Amino acid sequence: MSWHPRYRSSKFRHVYGKAASKDKCYDCVPITLNVHDNNFCAVNPNFIAVVTECAGGGAFLVLPIKQTGKLDPHYPKVCGHKGNVLDIKWNPFNDFVIASCSEDATVKIWDIPNHLLKRNITTPKKELLGHTRRIIIWNLEVKDAILRKPVKILDAHKDVVLSMSFNTDGSLLATACRDRKIRVIDPRAGTVLQEGSYKSHKVNKVLFLGNMKKLFSTGTSWWNNRQIALWDQDDLSVPLLEEDLDGSSGLLFPVYDPDTHMLYVVGKGDGNIRYYEISPEKPYLNYLMEYRSHLPQKGIGVMPKRGLDVAACEIFRFYKLIPTKNLIEPISMIVPRRSESYQPDIYPLTAAAQPALTAQEWLNGINKGPLLVSLRPGSKAANSLPQFLEPEPLTNATNMNQEEEESMSVEDQQNPRGTQDDRSWLEAEEKLPENEEMCFSNGFDIFECPPPKTENELLQMYYRQQEEIRRLRELLIQKDVQLKQLELELRNVFMDTDN
C-alpha cells in the first residue's frame, strides 16, 4: 500500500510578506526603550501612533499615515502622563480618537486634529482614574471629563492580568493571568464561566479566534521554549493542540484575522512572523509560511482591513518597530494573483467602522456581532442583515422620468453623469414587464442556487445582486449615450438634406 503525502488546498497557501521600500518607511522615530511586553504602536487608515522617549513623563507620537520618510526631531508629541506610556489604542469607530495608559495608573482619551500637529497636545478629552491591578469597565458616553466611577470592576484575578480579549459579540472576555490560568468571564456579570490551568503551558497572551469558539494562547513550556496552544472555550481543562516553536526568550504576540481565518504569531526580539490557517476540524492549526528578517522587532502595529490596498491583493499589513535603527517598517502580506482587478474570494465582508450597539445597550445585556462592509472600491457600509427596500411603483418612476426630460436643474447640468445614471435607472424600471422579477445575479440564476442559510451567505448574495444592478446601470448609461449620438447624427443628416 503506497503512502500519499497529506495535501490541503488553500487560497492562502502562497501568501508572502513584502517589506516596504526605505522611502515608504518612517525614519528617525525615537521609539521607546520601555521593556514592558506591549505593542507600543497603533495604526488606522489615517494615522500611525507610536510610544516614544520623553523626559519628565510619558508621551507618544501621532503621524499622518502618508507622512513617510525622515521625521522632524522637533515634531510635536501627545504628552500629559506623569509616568511612562505603556500602550496606546485607536478608537475602532473614530479614527481621530486614541486612548493611552501609563504607569501613573491613569487612562487618557485624546482628540487628534485632522491636520499636522503644530504644538504638543497636553489636555486629554477624558481621564479615567482609579486603575489598579484589576479589570475595569468604563462608559465613555458620559459627558464628564474626569471619570472616577466605573460601571463594572472584575475582581476574579488574584495576580496581575497579562492579556485579555473579547469575543466577536462582546459577550465573553478571555484573560491570561500571571497565576498561569486562562479564564473565560462574563464581563457584565463578572462571573467566571471557565477556568483552566495546564502545567506544561505557562500562558502570556490569549486571544479569541472570532466565531470559531476557540482560544489561542502563547507562552512558555517547562523547558522555557516558546509555545503555542489552542483551546476549546467551553472546556479549558486540556488544550486541543500544543506545540513548541523555538528556544528564544522573546514574547509571542498572536494576531488573528477573522475574515480569512489566518493567525499570525509575531515574535518580540526577533524578525520572524509565522502565519497559520485555522480550520474548525483537526488538525485545527495549519502552518502556511514564515516571514523572516534580520532586524528584530520591539513591537507591532496592525492596519485595519479598511486601510489595505485591495488592488495589490494585500490581505494584512504590519508596522514593525525597529528601535536599533529608529525605524518603522510596513510589512504587507500579499496573495499572489496575476489579475489587478478586485478579488472577492480573498476579501469577504469585514467589520465596519460603525458600532453595532451603544454602550448602554451592551450594559443592558444585548449581544450583537459587528456591522459588516465590503472592501470593494466604492461600496458602502452594510448592516449585519441588509434591509431590502421595496421598489417604487412604475407609474411614479415614469412620471419622474417625464419631468426630468422636460426640465433639467442647474445641479443636473453641472453633474450630467449622475443625471444620466438616475435617468437610465428609471428607464430600466419603466421597461421591466409587470409581475416579473430579476432572476439573474452575476450571470447565474439565483433560484437554482440553494437559499442562504447564514448571515454571511445572505450578505454575499445581497452584494452579488448589488453588483449586478451596478453593471446593468452602466449598460443603460452606455445605451443612453449611443442613442444621443444617433440622434445627433440624424439631426446632422436632416440639416444637410435641407441645405
Protein backbone atom coordinates (compact mmCIF):
# COMPACT_ATOMS: atom_id res chain seq x y z
CA MET A 1 0.00 0.00 0.00
CA SER A 2 1.61 3.26 -1.12
CA TRP A 3 1.78 6.25 1.18
CA HIS A 4 0.32 9.51 -0.13
CA PRO A 5 1.51 12.81 1.35
CA ARG A 6 -1.12 14.93 3.05
CA TYR A 7 -2.17 17.85 0.83
CA ARG A 8 -4.54 20.62 1.81
CA SER A 9 -5.86 23.09 -0.72
CA SER A 10 -5.95 26.73 0.41
CA LYS A 11 -6.13 30.06 -1.41
CA PHE A 12 -3.72 31.50 1.21
CA ARG A 13 -1.11 28.77 0.84
CA HIS A 14 1.32 31.05 -1.01
CA VAL A 15 0.88 34.27 0.99
CA TYR A 16 4.18 36.09 1.34
CA GLY A 17 5.41 39.10 3.30
CA LYS A 18 6.77 42.14 1.49
CA ALA A 19 8.66 44.87 3.35
CA ALA A 20 8.17 48.44 2.18
CA SER A 21 10.96 50.34 0.48
CA LYS A 22 13.02 52.81 2.53
CA ASP A 23 11.14 55.84 1.20
CA LYS A 24 7.83 54.36 2.45
CA CYS A 25 9.14 53.72 5.96
CA TYR A 26 9.11 56.10 8.94
CA ASP A 27 12.70 57.02 9.77
CA CYS A 28 14.32 58.80 12.74
CA VAL A 29 11.45 57.90 15.10
CA PRO A 30 12.63 57.82 18.75
CA ILE A 31 10.95 54.53 19.74
CA THR A 32 10.51 53.94 23.46
CA LEU A 33 13.06 51.91 25.40
CA ASN A 34 10.40 50.57 27.77
CA VAL A 35 10.80 46.83 28.40
CA HIS A 36 7.13 46.02 29.02
CA ASP A 37 5.54 43.37 26.81
CA ASN A 38 3.22 45.62 24.79
CA ASN A 39 2.85 46.59 21.15
CA PHE A 40 3.78 50.31 21.62
CA CYS A 41 2.15 51.06 18.26
CA ALA A 42 -1.39 51.62 16.95
CA VAL A 43 -2.48 52.21 13.35
CA ASN A 44 -5.63 53.24 11.49
CA PRO A 45 -6.18 54.37 7.87
CA ASN A 46 -5.36 58.00 8.80
CA PHE A 47 -2.66 57.91 11.49
CA ILE A 48 0.11 55.84 13.00
CA ALA A 49 0.83 56.32 16.71
CA VAL A 50 3.97 55.09 18.46
CA VAL A 51 5.17 55.39 22.05
CA THR A 52 8.34 57.46 22.22
CA GLU A 53 11.03 58.50 24.65
CA CYS A 54 10.26 61.64 26.63
CA ALA A 55 11.94 63.31 29.59
CA GLY A 56 9.70 64.02 32.56
CA GLY A 57 6.70 61.76 31.93
CA GLY A 58 5.31 59.72 29.07
CA ALA A 59 4.47 60.71 25.51
CA PHE A 60 3.66 59.28 22.12
CA LEU A 61 3.80 60.47 18.52
CA VAL A 62 0.86 60.65 16.12
CA LEU A 63 1.91 60.81 12.46
CA PRO A 64 -0.26 61.02 9.34
CA ILE A 65 -0.16 57.63 7.67
CA LYS A 66 1.19 59.15 4.43
CA GLN A 67 3.95 61.19 6.09
CA THR A 68 6.78 58.73 5.46
CA GLY A 69 10.50 59.44 5.37
CA LYS A 70 12.58 61.18 8.00
CA LEU A 71 10.78 62.65 10.99
CA ASP A 72 11.48 66.16 12.21
CA PRO A 73 13.19 65.82 15.63
CA HIS A 74 11.02 68.69 16.93
CA TYR A 75 7.75 67.14 15.77
CA PRO A 76 5.02 67.75 18.41
CA LYS A 77 4.01 64.95 20.78
CA VAL A 78 0.94 63.93 22.73
CA CYS A 79 2.10 64.24 26.32
CA GLY A 80 0.25 64.52 29.61
CA HIS A 81 1.02 61.38 31.59
CA LYS A 82 3.23 61.58 34.67
CA GLY A 83 4.68 58.13 34.06
CA ASN A 84 5.86 56.16 31.05
CA VAL A 85 3.19 55.36 28.47
CA LEU A 86 2.64 51.59 28.43
CA ASP A 87 0.34 51.17 25.45
CA ILE A 88 -1.99 53.01 23.05
CA LYS A 89 -5.12 52.04 21.14
CA TRP A 90 -7.23 53.82 18.50
CA ASN A 91 -11.00 54.02 18.73
CA PRO A 92 -12.18 51.42 16.14
CA PHE A 93 -15.15 53.67 15.24
CA ASN A 94 -13.41 57.06 15.16
CA ASP A 95 -10.01 57.49 13.53
CA PHE A 96 -9.41 60.74 15.42
CA VAL A 97 -9.74 59.43 18.99
CA ILE A 98 -6.99 57.49 20.76
CA ALA A 99 -6.57 56.09 24.28
CA SER A 100 -3.32 55.77 26.22
CA CYS A 101 -2.43 54.08 29.50
CA SER A 102 0.53 54.84 31.72
CA GLU A 103 2.49 53.78 34.77
CA ASP A 104 0.74 56.60 36.66
CA ALA A 105 -2.37 54.32 36.81
CA THR A 106 -4.46 56.52 34.52
CA VAL A 107 -6.05 56.11 31.12
CA LYS A 108 -6.48 59.21 28.97
CA ILE A 109 -8.65 59.72 25.89
CA TRP A 110 -7.30 62.17 23.31
CA ASP A 111 -8.81 64.00 20.34
CA ILE A 112 -6.42 64.20 17.38
CA PRO A 113 -6.95 67.10 14.93
CA ASN A 114 -7.38 66.47 11.23
CA HIS A 115 -4.13 68.19 10.28
CA LEU A 116 -0.45 68.17 11.12
CA LEU A 117 0.28 68.88 14.77
CA LYS A 118 1.85 72.30 15.33
CA ARG A 119 2.32 72.05 19.09
CA ASN A 120 2.21 69.42 21.82
CA ILE A 121 -1.18 68.11 22.93
CA THR A 122 -1.29 68.16 26.73
CA THR A 123 -5.01 68.26 27.59
CA PRO A 124 -6.96 65.00 27.18
CA LYS A 125 -10.61 64.77 26.27
CA LYS A 126 -11.31 62.37 29.16
CA GLU A 127 -9.31 60.94 32.03
CA LEU A 128 -10.08 57.65 33.78
CA LEU A 129 -8.84 57.39 37.36
CA GLY A 130 -8.71 54.53 39.84
CA HIS A 131 -6.81 51.83 37.96
CA THR A 132 -5.06 49.16 39.99
CA ARG A 133 -4.26 45.51 39.23
CA ARG A 134 -7.75 44.63 38.06
CA ILE A 135 -10.02 44.90 35.03
CA ILE A 136 -12.30 47.94 34.99
CA ILE A 137 -15.12 48.67 32.51
CA TRP A 138 -15.97 52.31 31.82
CA ASN A 139 -18.81 54.01 29.98
CA LEU A 140 -17.28 56.73 27.80
CA GLU A 141 -20.67 58.07 26.67
CA VAL A 142 -20.96 60.15 29.85
CA LYS A 143 -20.11 63.83 29.47
CA ASP A 144 -17.74 64.13 32.46
CA ALA A 145 -14.12 64.92 31.59
CA ILE A 146 -12.78 63.03 34.63
CA LEU A 147 -14.29 59.62 35.38
CA ARG A 148 -13.83 58.06 38.81
CA LYS A 149 -16.75 55.61 38.99
CA PRO A 150 -16.55 52.67 36.57
CA VAL A 151 -19.64 50.70 35.62
CA LYS A 152 -18.01 47.36 36.48
CA ILE A 153 -14.95 46.04 38.30
CA LEU A 154 -13.86 42.45 37.67
CA ASP A 155 -12.15 41.01 40.77
CA ALA A 156 -11.76 37.44 39.51
CA HIS A 157 -7.93 37.55 39.41
CA LYS A 158 -5.56 37.18 42.32
CA ASP A 159 -2.49 38.28 40.37
CA VAL A 160 -1.52 40.58 37.51
CA VAL A 161 -3.60 40.24 34.33
CA LEU A 162 -1.21 39.80 31.40
CA SER A 163 -3.65 39.78 28.49
CA MET A 164 -7.36 39.90 27.67
CA SER A 165 -9.54 39.51 24.60
CA PHE A 166 -13.26 39.96 23.83
CA ASN A 167 -15.15 37.59 21.58
CA THR A 168 -16.93 38.82 18.46
CA ASP A 169 -20.20 40.00 20.03
CA GLY A 170 -18.70 41.21 23.32
CA SER A 171 -20.49 38.62 25.48
CA LEU A 172 -17.32 36.89 26.73
CA LEU A 173 -13.92 38.05 27.93
CA ALA A 174 -10.86 35.78 27.98
CA THR A 175 -7.95 36.67 30.28
CA ALA A 176 -4.44 35.37 30.91
CA CYS A 177 -3.09 35.86 34.42
CA ARG A 178 0.33 35.52 36.00
CA ASP A 179 -1.02 32.62 38.06
CA ARG A 180 -0.84 30.59 34.79
CA LYS A 181 -4.62 30.36 34.47
CA ILE A 182 -6.82 31.17 31.50
CA ARG A 183 -10.30 32.40 32.39
CA VAL A 184 -13.43 32.99 30.36
CA ILE A 185 -15.55 35.64 32.10
CA ASP A 186 -18.98 37.14 31.61
CA PRO A 187 -17.89 40.81 31.59
CA ARG A 188 -21.29 42.20 32.57
CA ALA A 189 -21.98 39.82 35.46
CA GLY A 190 -18.34 39.44 36.50
CA THR A 191 -18.65 35.66 36.89
CA VAL A 192 -16.00 33.17 35.79
CA LEU A 193 -17.56 30.74 33.30
CA GLN A 194 -14.45 28.66 32.55
CA GLU A 195 -11.06 28.41 34.22
CA GLY A 196 -8.16 26.30 33.09
CA SER A 197 -4.53 25.75 34.00
CA TYR A 198 -2.21 23.35 32.23
CA LYS A 199 1.04 22.51 33.96
CA SER A 200 3.18 22.32 30.84
CA HIS A 201 1.97 25.66 29.44
CA LYS A 202 2.71 28.98 31.14
CA VAL A 203 0.41 31.41 29.35
CA ASN A 204 1.34 35.02 28.49
CA LYS A 205 -1.11 36.09 25.77
CA VAL A 206 -4.62 34.84 24.99
CA LEU A 207 -6.88 35.57 22.04
CA PHE A 208 -10.43 34.72 20.95
CA LEU A 209 -10.48 33.24 17.43
CA GLY A 210 -13.55 35.04 16.08
CA ASN A 211 -16.62 32.81 15.86
CA MET A 212 -14.62 29.57 15.95
CA LYS A 213 -15.42 29.09 19.69
CA LYS A 214 -11.74 28.58 20.33
CA LEU A 215 -8.97 30.35 22.23
CA PHE A 216 -5.37 30.69 21.17
CA SER A 217 -2.60 31.32 23.69
CA THR A 218 1.14 31.86 23.60
CA GLY A 219 3.56 31.21 26.44
CA THR A 220 6.43 29.02 27.53
CA SER A 221 6.87 25.32 28.30
CA TRP A 222 8.59 23.54 31.19
CA TRP A 223 11.92 23.96 29.38
CA ASN A 224 11.35 27.67 28.64
CA ASN A 225 10.68 27.02 24.97
CA ARG A 226 8.26 29.38 23.27
CA GLN A 227 4.97 27.58 22.94
CA ILE A 228 1.53 27.98 21.36
CA ALA A 229 -1.71 26.27 22.40
CA LEU A 230 -5.27 26.02 21.09
CA TRP A 231 -8.24 25.67 23.46
CA ASP A 232 -11.96 24.96 23.33
CA GLN A 233 -13.65 27.94 25.01
CA ASP A 234 -16.18 25.58 26.67
CA ASP A 235 -13.51 23.23 28.09
CA LEU A 236 -10.19 24.64 29.31
CA SER A 237 -9.05 21.50 31.11
CA VAL A 238 -6.80 20.26 28.30
CA PRO A 239 -5.65 22.14 25.18
CA LEU A 240 -6.77 20.88 21.78
CA LEU A 241 -3.27 21.44 20.44
CA GLU A 242 0.09 22.29 21.98
CA GLU A 243 3.29 22.96 20.05
CA ASP A 244 6.80 24.17 20.90
CA LEU A 245 8.25 26.68 18.45
CA ASP A 246 11.81 27.55 19.44
CA GLY A 247 14.06 28.38 22.37
CA SER A 248 14.07 32.17 22.06
CA SER A 249 13.23 34.27 25.10
CA GLY A 250 11.08 36.95 23.46
CA LEU A 251 7.32 37.07 23.87
CA LEU A 252 4.95 35.88 21.14
CA PHE A 253 2.15 38.25 20.07
CA PRO A 254 -0.83 36.49 18.40
CA VAL A 255 -2.88 38.41 15.80
CA TYR A 256 -6.00 36.86 14.25
CA ASP A 257 -7.79 37.79 11.03
CA PRO A 258 -11.40 36.54 11.37
CA ASP A 259 -12.15 37.23 7.69
CA THR A 260 -9.52 34.91 6.23
CA HIS A 261 -9.16 32.69 9.38
CA MET A 262 -5.42 33.37 9.32
CA LEU A 263 -3.43 33.55 12.53
CA TYR A 264 -0.15 35.49 12.74
CA VAL A 265 2.38 34.89 15.51
CA VAL A 266 4.85 37.75 15.89
CA GLY A 267 8.00 37.20 17.92
CA LYS A 268 9.34 40.03 20.06
CA GLY A 269 13.12 40.39 19.86
CA ASP A 270 13.38 38.57 16.53
CA GLY A 271 12.34 39.39 12.98
CA ASN A 272 10.02 36.44 12.34
CA ILE A 273 6.28 36.41 11.66
CA ARG A 274 4.77 32.93 11.45
CA TYR A 275 1.32 32.56 9.97
CA TYR A 276 -1.20 29.75 10.07
CA GLU A 277 -4.69 29.00 8.83
CA ILE A 278 -7.34 27.97 11.36
CA SER A 279 -9.85 25.23 10.48
CA PRO A 280 -12.82 24.01 12.58
CA GLU A 281 -11.69 20.38 12.26
CA LYS A 282 -8.47 18.58 13.05
CA PRO A 283 -5.62 19.38 12.85
CA TYR A 284 -7.14 22.86 13.59
CA LEU A 285 -3.83 24.73 13.04
CA ASN A 286 -2.30 24.55 9.55
CA TYR A 287 1.14 26.07 9.12
CA LEU A 288 1.48 28.21 5.98
CA MET A 289 4.80 30.04 5.93
CA GLU A 290 7.13 32.33 7.85
CA TYR A 291 8.31 35.85 7.11
CA ARG A 292 11.92 36.32 8.20
CA SER A 293 14.03 39.39 8.69
CA HIS A 294 17.38 40.02 10.30
CA LEU A 295 16.06 43.18 12.01
CA PRO A 296 14.49 42.46 15.42
CA GLN A 297 11.12 43.99 16.27
CA LYS A 298 10.22 45.57 19.60
CA GLY A 299 6.51 45.97 18.87
CA ILE A 300 3.99 45.70 16.10
CA GLY A 301 1.05 47.67 14.77
CA VAL A 302 -1.79 46.30 12.63
CA MET A 303 -3.68 48.22 9.94
CA PRO A 304 -7.47 47.65 9.93
CA LYS A 305 -8.85 45.90 6.88
CA ARG A 306 -10.44 49.09 5.51
CA GLY A 307 -6.95 50.61 5.11
CA LEU A 308 -5.48 47.87 2.92
CA ASP A 309 -4.55 48.08 -0.75
CA VAL A 310 -7.02 45.66 -2.36
CA ALA A 311 -5.62 46.41 -5.83
CA ALA A 312 -2.35 44.75 -4.78
CA CYS A 313 -4.16 41.76 -3.17
CA GLU A 314 -2.92 42.86 0.26
CA ILE A 315 -4.76 40.92 2.98
CA PHE A 316 -2.87 42.19 6.07
CA ARG A 317 -0.34 44.85 6.97
CA PHE A 318 2.01 45.10 9.93
CA TYR A 319 4.01 48.09 11.13
CA LYS A 320 7.23 46.82 12.62
CA LEU A 321 9.09 48.85 15.27
CA ILE A 322 12.88 48.58 14.86
CA PRO A 323 14.47 50.52 17.77
CA THR A 324 18.05 49.74 16.70
CA LYS A 325 17.52 51.92 13.61
CA ASN A 326 14.74 54.21 14.90
CA LEU A 327 12.63 52.88 12.04
CA ILE A 328 9.00 51.84 11.49
CA GLU A 329 8.77 49.41 8.59
CA PRO A 330 5.43 48.44 6.96
CA ILE A 331 5.16 44.77 6.01
CA SER A 332 2.38 43.75 3.62
CA MET A 333 1.03 40.21 3.47
CA ILE A 334 0.09 39.59 -0.16
CA VAL A 335 -1.75 36.83 -2.01
CA PRO A 336 -0.01 36.37 -5.38
CA ARG A 337 -2.54 36.96 -8.16
CA ARG A 338 -1.96 37.91 -11.78
CA SER A 339 -5.16 39.87 -12.17
CA GLU A 340 -5.19 43.50 -10.99
CA SER A 341 -8.96 43.58 -10.54
CA TYR A 342 -10.78 43.21 -7.22
CA GLN A 343 -10.62 39.65 -5.85
CA PRO A 344 -13.82 38.97 -3.86
CA ASP A 345 -12.77 35.45 -2.77
CA ILE A 346 -9.92 36.79 -0.60
CA TYR A 347 -11.86 39.81 0.66
CA PRO A 348 -15.01 38.60 2.44
CA LEU A 349 -17.18 41.06 4.33
CA THR A 350 -15.28 42.65 7.20
CA ALA A 351 -16.05 44.72 10.29
CA ALA A 352 -17.18 48.26 9.50
CA ALA A 353 -16.21 51.48 11.27
CA GLN A 354 -19.69 51.90 12.79
CA PRO A 355 -20.68 50.45 16.19
CA ALA A 356 -23.40 47.80 16.26
CA LEU A 357 -24.53 48.80 19.77
CA THR A 358 -24.35 51.74 22.14
CA ALA A 359 -22.55 51.35 25.45
CA GLN A 360 -25.84 51.35 27.35
CA GLU A 361 -27.33 48.66 25.11
CA TRP A 362 -24.31 46.46 25.77
CA LEU A 363 -24.58 47.06 29.52
CA ASN A 364 -28.26 46.08 29.33
CA GLY A 365 -27.23 42.63 28.06
CA ILE A 366 -27.72 42.93 24.30
CA ASN A 367 -25.29 40.90 22.17
CA LYS A 368 -24.73 41.68 18.51
CA GLY A 369 -21.95 41.00 16.05
CA PRO A 370 -20.12 43.79 14.24
CA LEU A 371 -21.60 45.60 11.28
CA LEU A 372 -20.11 44.35 8.04
CA VAL A 373 -18.78 46.18 5.00
CA SER A 374 -17.41 45.15 1.63
CA LEU A 375 -13.87 46.16 0.73
CA ARG A 376 -14.81 46.56 -2.92
CA PRO A 377 -13.84 50.11 -4.02
CA GLY A 378 -16.88 52.39 -3.99
CA SER A 379 -19.01 50.16 -1.75
CA LYS A 380 -20.74 51.47 1.37
CA ALA A 381 -21.09 50.05 4.86
CA ALA A 382 -23.78 47.43 5.37
CA ASN A 383 -25.65 46.27 8.42
CA SER A 384 -25.37 42.76 9.77
CA LEU A 385 -28.58 42.00 7.86
CA PRO A 386 -29.24 44.15 4.79
CA GLN A 387 -32.59 45.85 4.54
CA PHE A 388 -34.12 45.30 1.12
CA LEU A 389 -36.12 48.33 0.03
CA GLU A 390 -39.35 47.81 -1.85
CA PRO A 391 -39.21 49.16 -5.43
CA GLU A 392 -41.27 52.24 -6.17
CA PRO A 393 -44.34 51.85 -8.43
CA LEU A 394 -43.55 52.05 -12.13
CA THR A 395 -46.02 54.90 -12.60
CA ASN A 396 -44.07 57.09 -10.19
CA ALA A 397 -40.84 56.25 -11.98
CA THR A 398 -42.43 57.08 -15.33
CA ASN A 399 -43.72 60.43 -14.09
CA MET A 400 -40.35 61.29 -12.62
CA ASN A 401 -38.66 60.38 -15.86
CA GLN A 402 -41.00 62.58 -17.89
CA GLU A 403 -40.48 65.50 -15.53
CA GLU A 404 -36.72 65.12 -15.81
CA GLU A 405 -36.93 65.10 -19.61
CA GLU A 406 -38.99 68.30 -19.60
CA SER A 407 -36.71 70.31 -17.34
CA MET A 408 -33.19 69.93 -16.03
CA SER A 409 -31.99 71.70 -12.90
CA VAL A 410 -28.73 73.59 -12.60
CA GLU A 411 -27.26 70.89 -10.41
CA ASP A 412 -28.07 68.24 -13.02
CA GLN A 413 -26.38 70.32 -15.69
CA GLN A 414 -23.27 70.55 -13.53
CA ASN A 415 -23.33 66.79 -12.95
CA PRO A 416 -24.58 65.18 -16.16
CA ARG A 417 -23.14 61.77 -15.28
CA GLY A 418 -25.26 61.46 -12.15
CA THR A 419 -28.32 62.62 -14.11
CA GLN A 420 -27.75 60.04 -16.82
CA ASP A 421 -27.28 57.37 -14.16
CA ASP A 422 -30.58 58.20 -12.44
CA ARG A 423 -32.43 58.56 -15.76
CA SER A 424 -31.08 55.26 -17.03
CA TRP A 425 -32.15 53.52 -13.82
CA LEU A 426 -35.67 54.93 -14.08
CA GLU A 427 -35.89 53.89 -17.74
CA ALA A 428 -34.83 50.38 -16.76
CA GLU A 429 -37.62 50.24 -14.17
CA GLU A 430 -40.11 51.50 -16.76
CA LYS A 431 -39.14 48.80 -19.28
CA LEU A 432 -39.49 45.93 -16.81
CA PRO A 433 -42.58 43.77 -17.50
CA GLU A 434 -45.22 43.66 -14.79
CA ASN A 435 -45.10 40.85 -12.23
CA GLU A 436 -41.62 39.86 -13.44
CA GLU A 437 -38.56 39.87 -11.17
CA MET A 438 -34.89 39.98 -11.93
CA CYS A 439 -33.71 36.38 -11.57
CA PHE A 440 -30.06 36.66 -12.51
CA SER A 441 -27.08 37.76 -10.44
CA ASN A 442 -23.60 37.84 -11.99
CA GLY A 443 -24.76 35.53 -14.78
CA PHE A 444 -26.42 32.75 -12.77
CA ASP A 445 -29.99 32.03 -11.80
CA ILE A 446 -30.38 32.73 -8.09
CA PHE A 447 -33.45 30.48 -7.89
CA GLU A 448 -31.40 27.48 -8.98
CA CYS A 449 -28.97 28.03 -6.11
CA PRO A 450 -29.74 26.84 -2.57
CA PRO A 451 -31.17 29.56 -0.31
CA PRO A 452 -28.67 31.24 2.05
CA LYS A 453 -28.53 29.58 5.45
CA THR A 454 -26.28 32.01 7.33
CA GLU A 455 -25.95 35.77 7.61
CA ASN A 456 -22.67 35.76 5.64
CA GLU A 457 -24.25 33.81 2.77
CA LEU A 458 -27.20 36.20 2.76
CA LEU A 459 -24.86 39.21 2.64
CA GLN A 460 -22.82 37.67 -0.16
CA MET A 461 -25.99 37.12 -2.19
CA TYR A 462 -27.07 40.69 -1.45
CA TYR A 463 -23.77 42.16 -2.69
CA ARG A 464 -23.85 40.00 -5.81
CA GLN A 465 -27.24 41.46 -6.63
CA GLN A 466 -25.95 44.97 -5.93
CA GLU A 467 -23.04 44.34 -8.29
CA GLU A 468 -25.42 43.10 -10.97
CA ILE A 469 -27.57 46.22 -10.57
CA ARG A 470 -24.48 48.42 -10.89
CA ARG A 471 -23.42 46.60 -14.05
CA LEU A 472 -26.88 46.99 -15.57
CA ARG A 473 -26.85 50.70 -14.79
CA GLU A 474 -23.56 51.09 -16.61
CA LEU A 475 -25.00 49.27 -19.64
CA LEU A 476 -28.04 51.55 -19.62
CA ILE A 477 -25.81 54.62 -19.46
CA GLN A 478 -23.83 53.38 -22.45
CA LYS A 479 -27.03 52.76 -24.41
CA ASP A 480 -28.31 56.22 -23.49
CA VAL A 481 -25.10 57.78 -24.80
CA GLN A 482 -25.34 55.79 -28.02
CA LEU A 483 -28.94 56.96 -28.53
CA LYS A 484 -27.86 60.58 -28.07
CA GLN A 485 -25.11 60.12 -30.61
CA LEU A 486 -27.53 58.59 -33.11
CA GLU A 487 -29.97 61.48 -32.59
CA LEU A 488 -27.21 64.00 -33.30
CA GLU A 489 -26.17 62.12 -36.43
CA LEU A 490 -29.77 62.03 -37.70
CA ARG A 491 -30.17 65.75 -36.99
CA ASN A 492 -26.99 66.48 -38.94
CA VAL A 493 -28.22 64.35 -41.85
CA PHE A 494 -31.57 66.20 -41.95
CA MET A 495 -29.81 69.56 -41.85
CA ASP A 496 -27.56 68.55 -44.76
CA THR A 497 -30.55 67.41 -46.85
CA ASP A 498 -32.45 70.68 -46.16
CA ASN A 499 -29.46 72.71 -47.30
